[in-house]
Protein backbone atom coordinates (compact mmCIF):
# COMPACT_ATOMS: atom_id res chain seq x y z
CA MET A 1 -12.57 -190.11 -8.71
CA GLU A 2 -11.76 -187.01 -6.81
CA LEU A 3 -9.30 -184.16 -7.51
CA ASP A 4 -8.14 -181.79 -4.72
CA GLY A 5 -6.14 -178.65 -5.01
CA ILE A 6 -4.98 -177.14 -1.59
CA GLY A 7 -3.08 -173.83 -1.22
CA THR A 8 -1.67 -172.69 2.09
CA SER A 9 0.40 -169.79 3.31
CA ASN A 10 3.31 -170.32 5.83
CA PRO A 11 4.58 -167.81 8.51
CA GLY A 12 7.95 -167.65 6.60
CA GLY A 13 6.32 -166.14 3.65
CA THR A 14 6.16 -169.18 1.37
CA ASN A 15 2.99 -170.57 -0.30
CA ASN A 16 2.41 -174.32 -0.51
CA VAL A 17 0.43 -176.13 -3.17
CA ARG A 18 -0.85 -179.71 -3.01
CA LEU A 19 -2.59 -181.45 -5.87
CA GLN A 20 -4.02 -184.94 -5.27
CA THR A 21 -6.18 -187.38 -7.06
CA LEU A 22 -7.89 -190.35 -5.44
CA LYS A 23 -10.38 -193.10 -6.16
CA THR A 24 -12.66 -194.79 -3.63
CA PHE A 25 -13.92 -198.33 -4.07
CA ASP A 26 -17.14 -198.36 -1.87
CA LYS A 27 -17.60 -202.12 -2.29
CA HIS A 28 -14.21 -202.74 -0.68
CA ASN A 29 -14.19 -199.67 1.75
CA LEU A 30 -10.81 -198.75 0.06
CA THR A 31 -9.39 -195.40 -1.07
CA ILE A 32 -6.13 -195.11 -3.01
CA GLY A 33 -4.45 -192.01 -4.44
CA ALA A 34 -1.42 -190.07 -5.48
CA PHE A 35 -0.34 -186.53 -4.74
CA LEU A 36 2.26 -183.84 -5.66
CA SER A 37 3.08 -180.96 -3.43
CA GLY A 38 5.62 -178.15 -3.26
CA ASN A 39 5.96 -174.38 -2.85
CA HIS A 40 7.40 -171.37 -4.52
CA TYR A 41 10.44 -171.05 -2.35
CA GLN A 42 13.47 -173.29 -2.20
CA TYR A 43 11.90 -176.39 -0.72
CA PRO A 44 11.82 -179.51 -2.93
CA LEU A 45 8.93 -181.13 -4.61
CA VAL A 46 7.27 -184.02 -2.78
CA PHE A 47 5.32 -186.84 -4.56
CA GLY A 48 3.70 -190.01 -3.21
CA ILE A 49 0.92 -192.55 -2.91
CA PHE A 50 -1.59 -193.28 -0.17
CA SER A 51 -4.32 -195.62 0.88
CA LYS A 52 -7.20 -195.75 3.39
CA PHE A 53 -9.19 -198.84 4.45
CA HIS A 54 -12.33 -198.55 6.56
CA CYS A 55 -13.80 -201.36 8.62
CA LYS A 56 -15.98 -201.40 11.69
CA GLY A 57 -15.42 -197.82 12.81
CA TYR A 58 -11.60 -197.90 12.24
CA THR A 59 -9.62 -196.36 9.43
CA ILE A 60 -6.11 -197.58 8.56
CA SER A 61 -3.97 -195.34 6.50
CA THR A 62 -0.56 -195.66 4.85
CA GLN A 63 1.44 -193.19 2.78
CA CYS A 64 4.80 -193.46 0.97
CA SER A 65 6.42 -190.28 -0.39
CA ARG A 66 9.64 -189.00 -1.70
CA THR A 67 11.10 -185.53 -1.41
CA LEU A 68 12.95 -184.82 -4.61
CA HIS A 69 16.68 -185.41 -4.02
CA ASN A 70 16.07 -185.89 -0.34
CA TYR A 71 13.94 -187.82 2.07
CA LEU A 72 12.00 -191.02 1.61
CA ASN A 73 8.95 -190.88 4.00
CA GLY A 74 6.57 -193.50 5.31
CA LEU A 75 3.42 -193.13 7.42
CA PHE A 76 1.09 -195.52 9.20
CA ALA A 77 -2.07 -194.25 11.00
CA VAL A 78 -5.08 -195.66 12.76
CA GLU A 79 -8.32 -193.78 13.42
CA LYS A 80 -11.21 -194.76 15.57
CA ILE A 81 -14.71 -193.17 15.30
CA MET A 82 -15.89 -192.46 18.93
CA TYR A 83 -19.14 -190.77 18.19
CA LYS A 84 -21.17 -190.32 15.04
CA SER A 85 -24.58 -188.91 14.24
CA ASP A 86 -26.28 -187.33 11.20
CA LYS A 87 -24.57 -183.97 11.82
CA HIS A 88 -21.53 -184.56 14.09
CA ALA A 89 -18.61 -186.89 14.28
CA VAL A 90 -15.73 -187.33 16.79
CA ASP A 91 -12.69 -189.54 16.29
CA ILE A 92 -9.30 -190.12 17.76
CA ASP A 93 -6.17 -191.13 15.85
CA GLY A 94 -2.51 -192.13 16.25
CA MET A 95 0.25 -192.02 13.61
CA LEU A 96 3.77 -193.20 13.24
CA ALA A 97 5.98 -191.44 10.68
CA ARG A 98 9.42 -192.38 9.40
CA ALA A 99 11.77 -190.30 7.34
CA LYS A 100 15.16 -191.25 5.98
CA GLU A 101 17.72 -189.19 3.97
CA PRO A 102 19.05 -191.26 0.98
CA TYR A 103 22.72 -191.41 2.24
CA SER A 104 21.91 -191.66 5.97
CA LYS A 105 22.21 -195.12 7.70
CA SER A 106 19.40 -194.48 10.15
CA PRO A 107 15.95 -192.93 9.86
CA PHE A 108 14.21 -190.71 12.38
CA TYR A 109 10.67 -191.27 13.63
CA GLY A 110 7.71 -189.07 14.69
CA PHE A 111 4.63 -189.89 16.61
CA ASN A 112 1.28 -188.11 16.58
CA LEU A 113 -1.94 -188.35 18.69
CA GLY A 114 -5.04 -186.35 17.94
CA ILE A 115 -8.76 -185.82 18.36
CA ASN A 116 -11.03 -184.59 15.55
CA TYR A 117 -14.53 -183.05 15.46
CA ASN A 118 -16.33 -182.68 12.13
CA HIS A 119 -19.73 -181.28 11.24
CA SER A 120 -21.92 -182.47 8.30
CA ARG A 121 -21.63 -179.06 6.82
CA GLY A 122 -17.87 -179.41 6.32
CA HIS A 123 -16.65 -177.59 9.28
CA GLY A 124 -14.13 -179.26 11.68
CA VAL A 125 -11.54 -178.80 14.51
CA ARG A 126 -8.46 -180.95 15.20
CA VAL A 127 -6.19 -180.86 18.28
CA SER A 128 -3.09 -183.01 18.32
CA THR A 129 0.32 -183.40 19.78
CA SER A 130 3.40 -184.68 18.08
CA TYR A 131 6.71 -185.98 19.37
CA ILE A 132 10.06 -186.43 17.49
CA PRO A 133 12.35 -188.26 19.81
CA ASP A 134 15.60 -187.65 17.94
CA VAL A 135 15.48 -183.86 18.56
CA ASN A 136 13.20 -184.11 21.74
CA CYS A 137 10.50 -181.94 19.97
CA VAL A 138 6.95 -181.83 21.36
CA THR A 139 4.45 -179.67 19.52
CA VAL A 140 0.73 -179.08 20.11
CA ASN A 141 -1.33 -178.39 16.99
CA THR A 142 -4.71 -176.90 16.40
CA SER A 143 -6.46 -176.87 13.06
CA PHE A 144 -9.81 -175.31 12.01
CA LYS A 145 -11.67 -175.92 8.80
CA LEU A 146 -14.55 -173.75 7.73
CA ASN A 147 -16.56 -174.64 4.59
CA ILE A 148 -17.18 -171.51 2.67
CA TRP A 149 -19.15 -172.87 -0.28
CA THR A 150 -20.49 -176.27 -1.33
CA SER A 151 -22.37 -176.80 -4.69
CA SER A 152 -26.06 -177.90 -4.58
CA ASN A 153 -25.07 -181.45 -5.68
CA LYS A 154 -22.25 -181.47 -3.14
CA ALA A 155 -19.63 -182.35 -5.80
CA THR A 156 -17.60 -179.18 -5.40
CA ALA A 157 -16.49 -177.37 -2.22
CA LEU A 158 -14.31 -174.52 -1.20
CA ASP A 159 -12.84 -174.59 2.40
CA PHE A 160 -10.77 -172.10 4.48
CA THR A 161 -8.27 -173.63 6.99
CA LEU A 162 -6.36 -172.18 9.89
CA ASN A 163 -3.43 -173.90 11.66
CA ILE A 164 -1.77 -172.92 14.92
CA SER A 165 1.18 -174.74 16.48
CA GLN A 166 3.08 -174.25 19.70
CA HIS A 167 6.54 -175.90 20.08
CA LEU A 168 6.95 -176.97 23.74
CA THR A 169 10.35 -178.45 23.69
CA GLY A 170 13.25 -179.18 21.35
CA ILE A 171 15.04 -176.84 18.91
CA PHE A 172 11.89 -174.76 18.25
CA ARG A 173 10.90 -174.41 22.00
CA GLY A 174 8.81 -171.31 22.56
CA LEU A 175 8.08 -170.69 18.99
CA ASN A 176 4.56 -170.50 17.57
CA SER A 177 3.66 -171.26 13.92
CA TYR A 178 0.47 -169.96 12.14
CA GLY A 179 -0.85 -170.82 8.75
CA GLY A 180 -3.92 -170.54 6.66
CA GLY A 181 -5.17 -171.62 3.34
CA LEU A 182 -7.93 -172.30 0.85
CA GLY A 183 -8.91 -175.82 -0.29
CA PHE A 184 -10.88 -176.72 -3.41
CA THR A 185 -12.33 -180.16 -3.95
CA HIS A 186 -14.24 -181.47 -6.83
CA HIS A 187 -15.72 -185.05 -6.92
CA PHE A 188 -15.94 -186.52 -10.52
């Protein structure tokens, strides 16, 4: 069983917190979990469940979440390992997300494509692009993860993350978003 706590800071001056617990069943290549997230401003609490299944270099992920008094969200993603060695890994992924307000008749959708690089020491880079057709919003995202500390038995880790987004079209066209945070992970 694993318990993660992730804190991030947003450009608008808010601080996000995500707490999740998960269990991996190695025999079945399956991970399941639950999470709770929110921030100290006026945005509502989000809670949900997720799963990941690994098979022959592919990972299939699903997530269902609920924003308190608001959206019901669903997510489906597929990831393919393109290169893997003892120290380096590169993969590509695609995602379809769906969000629906409780009293709305139709949901809106989002699409995301990305490429990831990860090092065995816990460092990583992700570059992705997302598209939300209903508002014609295209965004390019870059994320960096730096492992600050890992315990000698590798059960506990502290990571620093940095996120940069540029909105190319839609209602946020021309805006850039920046964020950073600390992540704490402990494997039980």
